[in-house]
Every structure is written in structure tokens, then in C-alpha cells.
């Protein structure tokens, strides 16, 4: 399921409408930049934090995320790091039913730093830690980390990589959990 506010440690916002969480993250990054500019002094950084966002295909298909991403690039919100789960699946089927753009190129045009994790199904934390270090290494752009994933990875034939995995029930859920936490 989705990370939920009050149920998942570290999650500060859960939204219903697709794209709204992305826009919330941009708002939080604007707040961080404003607080830093207002209150931080040389050698006394009262505010100094990063905003992290998890986004999926449906989120980035919505117009609100385009507008928010454009603003984030314009404002150079370099402490905003978005992890994009690019699994090419929506509730109705594959994303190419209504969405065919190159997200990386779109975000680069907005002035974002674009990073890629070619195999986002990995549970090797070093891959994600490196992405965060790379994102933090530059100080002029927000970052989107595009993770190529397979929805329902490990759920088995007929479910893995299909819309059936979007909100579906897996008969082998415990085996998937063990695989994910033991790797």
C-alpha cells in the first residue's frame, strides 16, 4: 500500500488526489528555503533539512505536478529530492494509454537534476544512499530520482508487471516480504 501519515514513521503528509502529494512536497521545500533565508545566520543554521517525496506514474501524469515541478525548478529548491517509481502501470493498464512523455527530459527542462536507478526493485540500500548523496552534492536544483521498477515484483506470472498488481492481493505476500527484507 501507500505510506500513510501517522501509520508510517517519517511520513508527514498523505493525500488522496494524485499529484497533490508532489505539490505538498514542493510547498514544504519552499518553506524550508524561506525559513533558512529568514532565520539562519552565519555559523548558526537554525533550519537545515531536506524534503523527500515518493511519487508514482499517476502522480506525475497530473497537471498539478507539472506546475509544482516547474516552480520548484524556477526557485532552485535544491533540498527537494523526489523518488519516482516508474513502473509504467496505472489502475487501468499501462501508462501508454494516456502518457508517453520522457519524464527525465521534462524535469531537466524544468531545471531539475535528473538521476536514474535502472533497477529500482533492488533492496540494496547502497543504491538509494548513493542517489541521495548525488542529489545532495549539487546546490542549485531539485532532484528527481527515476527508479525503473516492476509493479508487484515477485507476485508471480499474471500479476507481476500488470495493472492487477495495482492494489491487488498477493497470495504469496509473506514470501515477498521475506525476500525484500532478507536481501
Protein backbone atom coordinates (compact mmCIF):
# COMPACT_ATOMS: atom_id res chain seq x y z
CA UNK A 1 0.00 0.00 0.00
CA UNK A 2 0.86 3.64 0.23
CA UNK A 3 2.88 5.13 3.11
CA UNK A 4 0.35 6.67 5.47
CA UNK A 5 0.65 9.65 7.81
CA UNK A 6 0.60 8.53 11.47
CA UNK A 7 0.97 4.88 10.42
CA UNK A 8 4.39 5.06 8.76
CA UNK A 9 7.34 6.59 10.59
CA UNK A 10 8.70 9.67 8.81
CA UNK A 11 5.62 10.26 6.64
CA UNK A 12 4.31 13.75 7.29
CA UNK A 13 1.65 14.02 4.57
CA UNK A 14 -0.72 11.59 2.90
CA UNK A 15 -3.01 12.92 0.20
CA UNK A 16 -5.88 11.50 -1.80
CA UNK A 17 -5.76 13.21 -5.21
CA UNK A 18 -2.90 12.15 -7.46
CA UNK A 19 -0.21 14.81 -7.76
CA UNK A 20 -1.25 16.60 -4.58
CA UNK A 21 1.48 14.97 -2.51
CA UNK A 22 4.06 16.12 -5.03
CA UNK A 23 2.75 19.68 -4.77
CA UNK A 24 2.81 19.39 -0.95
CA UNK A 25 6.50 18.40 -1.12
CA UNK A 26 7.26 21.46 -3.25
CA UNK A 27 5.43 23.60 -0.68
CA UNK A 28 7.46 22.08 2.14
CA UNK A 29 10.69 22.77 0.21
CA UNK A 30 9.58 26.38 -0.34
CA UNK A 31 9.00 26.63 3.41
CA UNK A 32 12.49 25.26 4.14
CA UNK A 33 14.09 27.80 1.77
CA UNK A 34 12.08 30.66 3.28
CA UNK A 35 12.87 29.65 6.88
CA UNK A 36 16.58 29.38 6.02
CA UNK A 37 16.61 32.80 4.36
CA UNK A 38 14.72 34.38 7.26
CA UNK A 39 16.33 32.84 10.33
CA UNK A 40 19.67 31.23 9.50
CA UNK A 41 22.82 33.21 10.24
CA UNK A 42 26.48 32.56 9.52
CA UNK A 43 27.53 29.61 11.68
CA UNK A 44 24.02 29.26 13.12
CA UNK A 45 21.82 27.22 10.76
CA UNK A 46 18.54 27.00 12.68
CA UNK A 47 16.82 25.37 9.68
CA UNK A 48 18.66 22.87 7.51
CA UNK A 49 16.66 19.90 6.24
CA UNK A 50 15.73 18.07 3.06
CA UNK A 51 12.25 17.24 1.81
CA UNK A 52 11.78 13.76 0.35
CA UNK A 53 8.84 12.70 -1.79
CA UNK A 54 7.73 9.35 -3.20
CA UNK A 55 5.80 9.72 -6.47
CA UNK A 56 4.34 7.29 -8.95
CA UNK A 57 3.25 7.38 -12.56
CA UNK A 58 -0.25 8.59 -11.69
CA UNK A 59 1.19 11.46 -9.64
CA UNK A 60 3.34 12.74 -12.49
CA UNK A 61 0.55 12.34 -15.05
CA UNK A 62 -1.47 15.02 -13.25
CA UNK A 63 -1.18 18.68 -14.24
CA UNK A 64 -0.66 19.86 -10.67
CA UNK A 65 2.69 18.07 -10.52
CA UNK A 66 3.85 19.77 -13.73
CA UNK A 67 3.05 23.20 -12.36
CA UNK A 68 4.67 22.44 -9.00
CA UNK A 69 7.77 20.92 -10.66
CA UNK A 70 8.18 23.99 -12.84
CA UNK A 71 8.01 26.26 -9.79
CA UNK A 72 10.49 24.09 -7.85
CA UNK A 73 12.98 24.30 -10.72
CA UNK A 74 12.47 28.05 -11.06
CA UNK A 75 13.05 28.57 -7.33
CA UNK A 76 16.07 26.22 -7.35
CA UNK A 77 14.74 24.19 -4.42
CA UNK A 78 17.87 22.04 -4.12
CA UNK A 79 16.76 20.45 -0.86
CA UNK A 80 13.85 18.69 -2.57
CA UNK A 81 14.52 15.07 -3.56
CA UNK A 82 11.77 13.13 -5.33
CA UNK A 83 11.91 9.37 -5.82
CA UNK A 84 9.78 8.47 -8.85
CA UNK A 85 8.55 4.86 -9.08
CA UNK A 86 8.47 4.47 -12.87
CA UNK A 87 6.64 1.16 -13.27
CA UNK A 88 4.58 2.14 -16.34
CA UNK A 89 1.31 0.92 -14.76
CA UNK A 90 -1.89 2.68 -13.72
CA UNK A 91 -5.09 1.28 -12.28
CA UNK A 92 -6.47 0.96 -15.82
CA UNK A 93 -3.45 -0.61 -17.51
CA UNK A 94 -0.16 0.58 -18.91
CA UNK A 95 0.72 4.26 -18.79
CA UNK A 96 0.98 4.47 -22.58
CA UNK A 97 -2.82 4.57 -22.66
CA UNK A 98 -2.52 8.29 -21.86
CA UNK A 99 1.10 9.13 -21.03
CA UNK A 100 4.10 8.83 -23.33
CA UNK A 101 6.45 11.65 -22.47
CA UNK A 102 10.03 11.29 -21.29
CA UNK A 103 9.74 12.32 -17.64
CA UNK A 104 13.50 12.79 -17.24
CA UNK A 105 13.63 15.20 -20.17
CA UNK A 106 10.57 17.08 -18.87
CA UNK A 107 12.15 17.56 -15.45
CA UNK A 108 15.51 18.53 -16.96
CA UNK A 109 13.64 21.22 -18.92
CA UNK A 110 12.15 22.45 -15.63
CA UNK A 111 15.68 22.89 -14.28
CA UNK A 112 15.89 19.72 -12.19
CA UNK A 113 18.81 17.41 -11.52
CA UNK A 114 17.77 14.03 -13.01
CA UNK A 115 19.22 10.79 -11.64
CA UNK A 116 18.40 7.21 -12.63
CA UNK A 117 18.24 3.90 -10.81
CA UNK A 118 17.88 1.39 -13.67
CA UNK A 119 16.75 -1.44 -11.35
CA UNK A 120 14.54 0.11 -8.69
CA UNK A 121 13.41 -3.32 -7.49
CA UNK A 122 16.68 -3.79 -5.61
CA UNK A 123 16.64 -3.84 -1.85
CA UNK A 124 20.32 -2.86 -1.73
CA UNK A 125 20.23 0.29 0.39
CA UNK A 126 23.60 1.41 -1.03
CA UNK A 127 21.91 2.19 -4.35
CA UNK A 128 19.45 4.58 -2.72
CA UNK A 129 22.05 6.08 -0.37
CA UNK A 130 24.24 6.88 -3.39
CA UNK A 131 21.29 8.55 -5.11
CA UNK A 132 20.71 10.73 -2.05
CA UNK A 133 24.42 11.62 -1.80
CA UNK A 134 24.45 12.53 -5.51
CA UNK A 135 21.31 14.64 -5.08
CA UNK A 136 22.80 16.46 -2.10
CA UNK A 137 26.10 17.05 -3.89
CA UNK A 138 24.68 19.85 -6.01
CA UNK A 139 23.18 23.01 -4.53
CA UNK A 140 21.21 24.67 -7.30
CA UNK A 141 18.48 22.25 -8.41
CA UNK A 142 15.80 19.98 -7.02
CA UNK A 143 16.41 16.31 -7.84
CA UNK A 144 14.21 13.59 -9.26
CA UNK A 145 15.48 10.02 -8.96
CA UNK A 146 13.80 7.91 -11.63
CA UNK A 147 13.59 4.29 -10.48
CA UNK A 148 12.62 1.76 -13.15
CA UNK A 149 10.56 -0.82 -11.29
CA UNK A 150 8.23 -3.73 -11.90
CA UNK A 151 4.95 -3.35 -10.06
CA UNK A 152 4.20 -6.43 -8.00
CA UNK A 153 7.78 -7.66 -8.31
CA UNK A 154 7.79 -11.26 -7.11
CA UNK A 155 3.99 -11.64 -7.14
CA UNK A 156 4.18 -14.19 -9.93
CA UNK A 157 3.02 -14.57 -13.53
CA UNK A 158 -0.16 -12.78 -14.49
CA UNK A 159 0.20 -10.24 -11.68
CA UNK A 160 3.81 -9.01 -11.78
CA UNK A 161 4.14 -6.02 -14.11
CA UNK A 162 0.40 -5.67 -14.71
CA UNK A 163 -2.44 -3.45 -13.51
CA UNK A 164 -3.65 -6.43 -11.42
CA UNK A 165 -0.75 -5.70 -9.05
CA UNK A 166 -2.03 -2.15 -8.51
CA UNK A 167 -3.96 -2.55 -5.26
CA UNK A 168 -4.31 -6.29 -5.80
CA UNK A 169 -3.96 -9.07 -3.26
CA UNK A 170 -0.98 -11.39 -3.45
CA UNK A 171 -1.28 -14.98 -2.31
CA UNK A 172 2.48 -15.04 -1.69
CA UNK A 173 2.70 -11.76 0.24
CA UNK A 174 4.71 -13.24 3.10
CA UNK A 175 7.30 -14.69 0.68
CA UNK A 176 7.64 -11.27 -1.00
CA UNK A 177 8.21 -9.62 2.41
CA UNK A 178 10.86 -12.16 3.35
CA UNK A 179 12.64 -11.64 0.01
CA UNK A 180 12.52 -7.85 0.43
CA UNK A 181 13.84 -7.80 3.97
CA UNK A 182 16.44 -10.53 3.69
CA UNK A 183 18.28 -9.26 0.60
